Amino acid sequence: GKGREGVAAIDRYGNTFYLESVEGQFTISRDNA
């Protein structure tokens, strides 16, 4: 009933973005190596 929503994202420079409702609750990270 909700469809697809973006939860979090991280770009090539390490900048992160979050859905407002999960900010402070979820953490996105990447290990390029």
All heavy atoms as atom14 arrays in JSON, in Angstrom:
{
  "sequence": "GKGREGVAAIDRYGNTFYLESVEGQFTISRDNA",
  "atom14_mask": [
    [1, 1, 1, 1, 0, 0, 0, 0, 0, 0, 0, 0, 0, 0],
    [1, 1, 1, 1, 1, 1, 1, 1, 1, 0, 0, 0, 0, 0],
    [1, 1, 1, 1, 0, 0, 0, 0, 0, 0, 0, 0, 0, 0],
    [1, 1, 1, 1, 1, 1, 1, 1, 1, 1, 1, 0, 0, 0],
    [1, 1, 1, 1, 1, 1, 1, 1, 1, 0, 0, 0, 0, 0],
    [1, 1, 1, 1, 0, 0, 0, 0, 0, 0, 0, 0, 0, 0],
    [1, 1, 1, 1, 1, 1, 1, 0, 0, 0, 0, 0, 0, 0],
    [1, 1, 1, 1, 1, 0, 0, 0, 0, 0, 0, 0, 0, 0],
    [1, 1, 1, 1, 1, 0, 0, 0, 0, 0, 0, 0, 0, 0],
    [1, 1, 1, 1, 1, 1, 1, 1, 0, 0, 0, 0, 0, 0],
    [1, 1, 1, 1, 1, 1, 1, 1, 0, 0, 0, 0, 0, 0],
    [1, 1, 1, 1, 1, 1, 1, 1, 1, 1, 1, 0, 0, 0],
    [1, 1, 1, 1, 1, 1, 1, 1, 1, 1, 1, 1, 0, 0],
    [1, 1, 1, 1, 0, 0, 0, 0, 0, 0, 0, 0, 0, 0],
    [1, 1, 1, 1, 1, 1, 1, 1, 0, 0, 0, 0, 0, 0],
    [1, 1, 1, 1, 1, 1, 1, 0, 0, 0, 0, 0, 0, 0],
    [1, 1, 1, 1, 1, 1, 1, 1, 1, 1, 1, 0, 0, 0],
    [1, 1, 1, 1, 1, 1, 1, 1, 1, 1, 1, 1, 0, 0],
    [1, 1, 1, 1, 1, 1, 1, 1, 0, 0, 0, 0, 0, 0],
    [1, 1, 1, 1, 1, 1, 1, 1, 1, 0, 0, 0, 0, 0],
    [1, 1, 1, 1, 1, 1, 0, 0, 0, 0, 0, 0, 0, 0],
    [1, 1, 1, 1, 1, 1, 1, 0, 0, 0, 0, 0, 0, 0],
    [1, 1, 1, 1, 1, 1, 1, 1, 1, 0, 0, 0, 0, 0],
    [1, 1, 1, 1, 0, 0, 0, 0, 0, 0, 0, 0, 0, 0],
    [1, 1, 1, 1, 1, 1, 1, 1, 1, 0, 0, 0, 0, 0],
    [1, 1, 1, 1, 1, 1, 1, 1, 1, 1, 1, 0, 0, 0],
    [1, 1, 1, 1, 1, 1, 1, 0, 0, 0, 0, 0, 0, 0],
    [1, 1, 1, 1, 1, 1, 1, 1, 0, 0, 0, 0, 0, 0],
    [1, 1, 1, 1, 1, 1, 0, 0, 0, 0, 0, 0, 0, 0],
    [1, 1, 1, 1, 1, 1, 1, 1, 1, 1, 1, 0, 0, 0],
    [1, 1, 1, 1, 1, 1, 1, 1, 0, 0, 0, 0, 0, 0],
    [1, 1, 1, 1, 1, 1, 1, 1, 0, 0, 0, 0, 0, 0],
    [1, 1, 1, 1, 1, 0, 0, 0, 0, 0, 0, 0, 0, 0]
  ],
  "atom14_positions": [
    [[0.77, -1.23, 0.0], [0.0, 0.0, 0.0], [0.8, 1.28, 0.0], [0.22, 2.37, -0.05], [0.0, 0.0, 0.0], [0.0, 0.0, 0.0], [0.0, 0.0, 0.0], [0.0, 0.0, 0.0], [0.0, 0.0, 0.0], [0.0, 0.0, 0.0], [0.0, 0.0, 0.0], [0.0, 0.0, 0.0], [0.0, 0.0, 0.0], [0.0, 0.0, 0.0]],
    [[2.14, 1.19, 0.04], [2.97, 2.4, 0.13], [3.79, 2.68, -1.12], [4.22, 3.8, -1.34], [3.91, 2.31, 1.33], [3.21, 2.41, 2.68], [4.21, 2.69, 3.79], [4.84, 4.07, 3.64], [5.79, 4.36, 4.76], [0.0, 0.0, 0.0], [0.0, 0.0, 0.0], [0.0, 0.0, 0.0], [0.0, 0.0, 0.0], [0.0, 0.0, 0.0]],
    [[4.03, 1.67, -1.93], [4.87, 1.85, -3.09], [6.34, 1.89, -2.72], [6.72, 1.63, -1.58], [0.0, 0.0, 0.0], [0.0, 0.0, 0.0], [0.0, 0.0, 0.0], [0.0, 0.0, 0.0], [0.0, 0.0, 0.0], [0.0, 0.0, 0.0], [0.0, 0.0, 0.0], [0.0, 0.0, 0.0], [0.0, 0.0, 0.0], [0.0, 0.0, 0.0]],
    [[7.17, 2.24, -3.68], [8.61, 2.26, -3.48], [9.07, 3.63, -3.0], [8.76, 4.65, -3.63], [9.32, 1.89, -4.77], [10.81, 1.66, -4.62], [11.42, 1.17, -5.92], [10.79, -0.07, -6.37], [11.14, -0.72, -7.47], [12.11, -0.26, -8.24], [10.49, -1.82, -7.81], [0.0, 0.0, 0.0], [0.0, 0.0, 0.0], [0.0, 0.0, 0.0]],
    [[9.8, 3.66, -1.91], [10.31, 4.91, -1.38], [11.8, 4.81, -1.1], [12.31, 3.76, -0.7], [9.56, 5.32, -0.11], [9.72, 4.38, 1.07], [8.98, 4.86, 2.3], [8.46, 5.99, 2.31], [8.92, 4.09, 3.28], [0.0, 0.0, 0.0], [0.0, 0.0, 0.0], [0.0, 0.0, 0.0], [0.0, 0.0, 0.0], [0.0, 0.0, 0.0]],
    [[12.49, 5.92, -1.31], [13.91, 5.97, -1.01], [14.13, 6.07, 0.48], [13.55, 6.92, 1.15], [0.0, 0.0, 0.0], [0.0, 0.0, 0.0], [0.0, 0.0, 0.0], [0.0, 0.0, 0.0], [0.0, 0.0, 0.0], [0.0, 0.0, 0.0], [0.0, 0.0, 0.0], [0.0, 0.0, 0.0], [0.0, 0.0, 0.0], [0.0, 0.0, 0.0]],
    [[14.98, 5.21, 1.01], [15.3, 5.19, 2.42], [16.58, 5.96, 2.71], [16.63, 6.78, 3.63], [15.43, 3.74, 2.93], [15.81, 3.71, 4.41], [14.13, 2.98, 2.7], [0.0, 0.0, 0.0], [0.0, 0.0, 0.0], [0.0, 0.0, 0.0], [0.0, 0.0, 0.0], [0.0, 0.0, 0.0], [0.0, 0.0, 0.0], [0.0, 0.0, 0.0]],
    [[17.61, 5.7, 1.93], [18.89, 6.36, 2.13], [19.73, 6.22, 0.88], [19.52, 5.31, 0.07], [19.63, 5.77, 3.33], [0.0, 0.0, 0.0], [0.0, 0.0, 0.0], [0.0, 0.0, 0.0], [0.0, 0.0, 0.0], [0.0, 0.0, 0.0], [0.0, 0.0, 0.0], [0.0, 0.0, 0.0], [0.0, 0.0, 0.0], [0.0, 0.0, 0.0]],
    [[20.69, 7.11, 0.71], [21.61, 7.04, -0.42], [22.95, 7.61, -0.01], [23.06, 8.4, 0.93], [21.06, 7.79, -1.63], [0.0, 0.0, 0.0], [0.0, 0.0, 0.0], [0.0, 0.0, 0.0], [0.0, 0.0, 0.0], [0.0, 0.0, 0.0], [0.0, 0.0, 0.0], [0.0, 0.0, 0.0], [0.0, 0.0, 0.0], [0.0, 0.0, 0.0]],
    [[23.99, 7.2, -0.74], [25.33, 7.7, -0.5], [26.03, 7.84, -1.84], [25.98, 6.94, -2.68], [26.11, 6.77, 0.47], [27.5, 7.33, 0.76], [26.17, 5.34, -0.07], [28.19, 6.61, 1.92], [0.0, 0.0, 0.0], [0.0, 0.0, 0.0], [0.0, 0.0, 0.0], [0.0, 0.0, 0.0], [0.0, 0.0, 0.0], [0.0, 0.0, 0.0]],
    [[26.67, 8.99, -2.08], [27.31, 9.21, -3.36], [28.78, 8.83, -3.31], [29.28, 8.32, -2.31], [27.1, 10.65, -3.84], [27.82, 11.7, -3.0], [28.71, 11.36, -2.2], [27.48, 12.89, -3.15], [0.0, 0.0, 0.0], [0.0, 0.0, 0.0], [0.0, 0.0, 0.0], [0.0, 0.0, 0.0], [0.0, 0.0, 0.0], [0.0, 0.0, 0.0]],
    [[29.48, 9.08, -4.41], [30.87, 8.67, -4.55], [31.79, 9.37, -3.56], [32.89, 8.89, -3.28], [31.36, 8.92, -5.98], [31.32, 10.39, -6.38], [31.61, 10.58, -7.85], [32.97, 10.16, -8.2], [33.51, 10.32, -9.4], [32.8, 10.89, -10.37], [34.74, 9.89, -9.64], [0.0, 0.0, 0.0], [0.0, 0.0, 0.0], [0.0, 0.0, 0.0]],
    [[31.37, 10.53, -3.05], [32.19, 11.3, -2.13], [31.88, 11.02, -0.67], [32.52, 11.58, 0.22], [32.02, 12.79, -2.41], [32.28, 13.16, -3.84], [31.24, 13.54, -4.69], [33.56, 13.11, -4.36], [31.47, 13.86, -6.01], [33.81, 13.44, -5.69], [32.76, 13.81, -6.51], [33.0, 14.13, -7.82], [0.0, 0.0, 0.0], [0.0, 0.0, 0.0]],
    [[30.87, 10.16, -0.42], [30.51, 9.84, 0.95], [29.39, 10.7, 1.51], [29.05, 10.56, 2.69], [0.0, 0.0, 0.0], [0.0, 0.0, 0.0], [0.0, 0.0, 0.0], [0.0, 0.0, 0.0], [0.0, 0.0, 0.0], [0.0, 0.0, 0.0], [0.0, 0.0, 0.0], [0.0, 0.0, 0.0], [0.0, 0.0, 0.0], [0.0, 0.0, 0.0]],
    [[28.82, 11.6, 0.7], [27.67, 12.36, 1.15], [26.47, 11.44, 1.3], [26.22, 10.59, 0.44], [27.34, 13.48, 0.16], [28.47, 14.47, 0.01], [28.96, 15.02, 0.99], [28.91, 14.7, -1.23], [0.0, 0.0, 0.0], [0.0, 0.0, 0.0], [0.0, 0.0, 0.0], [0.0, 0.0, 0.0], [0.0, 0.0, 0.0], [0.0, 0.0, 0.0]],
    [[25.73, 11.6, 2.37], [24.6, 10.73, 2.65], [23.29, 11.5, 2.64], [23.24, 12.7, 2.92], [24.76, 10.02, 4.0], [24.92, 11.0, 5.04], [25.99, 9.12, 3.98], [0.0, 0.0, 0.0], [0.0, 0.0, 0.0], [0.0, 0.0, 0.0], [0.0, 0.0, 0.0], [0.0, 0.0, 0.0], [0.0, 0.0, 0.0], [0.0, 0.0, 0.0]],
    [[22.23, 10.78, 2.34], [20.89, 11.34, 2.25], [19.92, 10.35, 2.87], [20.09, 9.13, 2.73], [20.52, 11.6, 0.78], [21.58, 12.32, 0.01], [22.59, 11.62, -0.63], [21.58, 13.71, -0.06], [23.58, 12.27, -1.33], [22.57, 14.37, -0.77], [23.57, 13.66, -1.4], [0.0, 0.0, 0.0], [0.0, 0.0, 0.0], [0.0, 0.0, 0.0]],
    [[18.89, 10.86, 3.55], [17.97, 10.0, 4.26], [16.53, 10.45, 4.1], [16.23, 11.65, 4.02], [18.29, 9.96, 5.76], [19.6, 9.32, 6.09], [20.74, 10.09, 6.27], [19.7, 7.94, 6.24], [21.96, 9.5, 6.58], [20.91, 7.35, 6.55], [22.04, 8.13, 6.71], [23.24, 7.54, 7.02], [0.0, 0.0, 0.0], [0.0, 0.0, 0.0]],
    [[15.66, 9.47, 4.1], [14.25, 9.73, 4.27], [14.07, 10.34, 5.66], [14.65, 9.86, 6.64], [13.47, 8.42, 4.15], [11.96, 8.44, 4.34], [11.28, 9.17, 3.19], [11.44, 7.01, 4.43], [0.0, 0.0, 0.0], [0.0, 0.0, 0.0], [0.0, 0.0, 0.0], [0.0, 0.0, 0.0], [0.0, 0.0, 0.0], [0.0, 0.0, 0.0]],
    [[13.28, 11.41, 5.76], [13.14, 12.11, 7.03], [12.72, 11.2, 8.18], [13.21, 11.35, 9.3], [12.14, 13.27, 6.9], [12.67, 14.48, 6.16], [12.39, 14.43, 4.67], [12.13, 13.33, 4.14], [12.43, 15.49, 4.03], [0.0, 0.0, 0.0], [0.0, 0.0, 0.0], [0.0, 0.0, 0.0], [0.0, 0.0, 0.0], [0.0, 0.0, 0.0]],
    [[11.86, 10.25, 7.91], [11.33, 9.41, 8.97], [12.36, 8.44, 9.55], [12.13, 7.89, 10.63], [10.1, 8.64, 8.48], [10.44, 7.76, 7.43], [0.0, 0.0, 0.0], [0.0, 0.0, 0.0], [0.0, 0.0, 0.0], [0.0, 0.0, 0.0], [0.0, 0.0, 0.0], [0.0, 0.0, 0.0], [0.0, 0.0, 0.0], [0.0, 0.0, 0.0]],
    [[13.47, 8.21, 8.85], [14.49, 7.29, 9.35], [15.79, 7.99, 9.73], [16.72, 7.35, 10.22], [14.8, 6.16, 8.35], [13.53, 5.43, 7.94], [15.54, 6.7, 7.13], [0.0, 0.0, 0.0], [0.0, 0.0, 0.0], [0.0, 0.0, 0.0], [0.0, 0.0, 0.0], [0.0, 0.0, 0.0], [0.0, 0.0, 0.0], [0.0, 0.0, 0.0]],
    [[15.87, 9.29, 9.51], [17.08, 10.03, 9.86], [17.34, 9.94, 11.35], [16.45, 10.18, 12.17], [16.96, 11.49, 9.42], [18.26, 12.26, 9.47], [18.19, 13.57, 8.73], [17.09, 13.95, 8.27], [19.23, 14.24, 8.58], [0.0, 0.0, 0.0], [0.0, 0.0, 0.0], [0.0, 0.0, 0.0], [0.0, 0.0, 0.0], [0.0, 0.0, 0.0]],
    [[18.56, 9.55, 11.69], [18.92, 9.34, 13.08], [18.66, 7.92, 13.55], [19.14, 7.53, 14.62], [0.0, 0.0, 0.0], [0.0, 0.0, 0.0], [0.0, 0.0, 0.0], [0.0, 0.0, 0.0], [0.0, 0.0, 0.0], [0.0, 0.0, 0.0], [0.0, 0.0, 0.0], [0.0, 0.0, 0.0], [0.0, 0.0, 0.0], [0.0, 0.0, 0.0]],
    [[17.92, 7.17, 12.76], [17.59, 5.78, 13.08], [18.38, 4.82, 12.22], [18.88, 3.81, 12.7], [16.09, 5.55, 12.89], [15.62, 4.14, 13.16], [14.19, 3.91, 12.69], [13.49, 4.84, 12.3], [13.75, 2.65, 12.72], [0.0, 0.0, 0.0], [0.0, 0.0, 0.0], [0.0, 0.0, 0.0], [0.0, 0.0, 0.0], [0.0, 0.0, 0.0]],
    [[18.51, 5.13, 10.93], [19.26, 4.31, 9.98], [20.56, 5.0, 9.61], [20.64, 6.24, 9.61], [18.45, 4.08, 8.7], [17.23, 3.22, 8.86], [16.86, 2.69, 10.08], [16.44, 2.93, 7.75], [15.73, 1.9, 10.22], [15.32, 2.13, 7.87], [14.95, 1.63, 9.1], [0.0, 0.0, 0.0], [0.0, 0.0, 0.0], [0.0, 0.0, 0.0]],
    [[21.57, 4.21, 9.26], [22.84, 4.74, 8.82], [23.3, 3.99, 7.57], [23.41, 2.77, 7.59], [23.92, 4.62, 9.9], [23.49, 5.29, 11.1], [25.23, 5.26, 9.42], [0.0, 0.0, 0.0], [0.0, 0.0, 0.0], [0.0, 0.0, 0.0], [0.0, 0.0, 0.0], [0.0, 0.0, 0.0], [0.0, 0.0, 0.0], [0.0, 0.0, 0.0]],
    [[23.56, 4.73, 6.5], [24.06, 4.12, 5.27], [25.57, 4.33, 5.2], [26.09, 5.37, 5.59], [23.35, 4.71, 4.03], [23.73, 3.93, 2.77], [23.66, 6.19, 3.86], [22.91, 4.31, 1.54], [0.0, 0.0, 0.0], [0.0, 0.0, 0.0], [0.0, 0.0, 0.0], [0.0, 0.0, 0.0], [0.0, 0.0, 0.0], [0.0, 0.0, 0.0]],
    [[26.26, 3.33, 4.7], [27.71, 3.42, 4.54], [28.13, 2.55, 3.37], [27.36, 1.71, 2.89], [28.44, 3.01, 5.82], [28.16, 1.66, 6.16], [0.0, 0.0, 0.0], [0.0, 0.0, 0.0], [0.0, 0.0, 0.0], [0.0, 0.0, 0.0], [0.0, 0.0, 0.0], [0.0, 0.0, 0.0], [0.0, 0.0, 0.0], [0.0, 0.0, 0.0]],
    [[29.35, 2.77, 2.91], [29.87, 1.96, 1.81], [31.34, 1.68, 2.03], [32.06, 2.46, 2.65], [29.65, 2.65, 0.46], [30.44, 3.94, 0.26], [29.95, 4.71, -0.97], [30.12, 3.97, -2.21], [29.59, 4.32, -3.37], [28.82, 5.4, -3.46], [29.8, 3.58, -4.46], [0.0, 0.0, 0.0], [0.0, 0.0, 0.0], [0.0, 0.0, 0.0]],
    [[31.78, 0.55, 1.52], [33.17, 0.15, 1.55], [33.55, -0.13, 0.1], [33.28, -1.22, -0.41], [33.38, -1.07, 2.43], [34.85, -1.45, 2.59], [35.68, -1.03, 1.76], [35.17, -2.17, 3.55], [0.0, 0.0, 0.0], [0.0, 0.0, 0.0], [0.0, 0.0, 0.0], [0.0, 0.0, 0.0], [0.0, 0.0, 0.0], [0.0, 0.0, 0.0]],
    [[34.15, 0.85, -0.54], [34.46, 0.71, -1.96], [35.5, -0.37, -2.23], [35.47, -1.01, -3.28], [34.93, 2.05, -2.53], [33.81, 3.06, -2.62], [32.63, 2.71, -2.64], [34.17, 4.34, -2.67], [0.0, 0.0, 0.0], [0.0, 0.0, 0.0], [0.0, 0.0, 0.0], [0.0, 0.0, 0.0], [0.0, 0.0, 0.0], [0.0, 0.0, 0.0]],
    [[36.43, -0.55, -1.29], [37.45, -1.57, -1.46], [36.84, -2.97, -1.52], [37.37, -3.85, -2.19], [38.48, -1.49, -0.35], [0.0, 0.0, 0.0], [0.0, 0.0, 0.0], [0.0, 0.0, 0.0], [0.0, 0.0, 0.0], [0.0, 0.0, 0.0], [0.0, 0.0, 0.0], [0.0, 0.0, 0.0], [0.0, 0.0, 0.0], [0.0, 0.0, 0.0]]
  ]
}
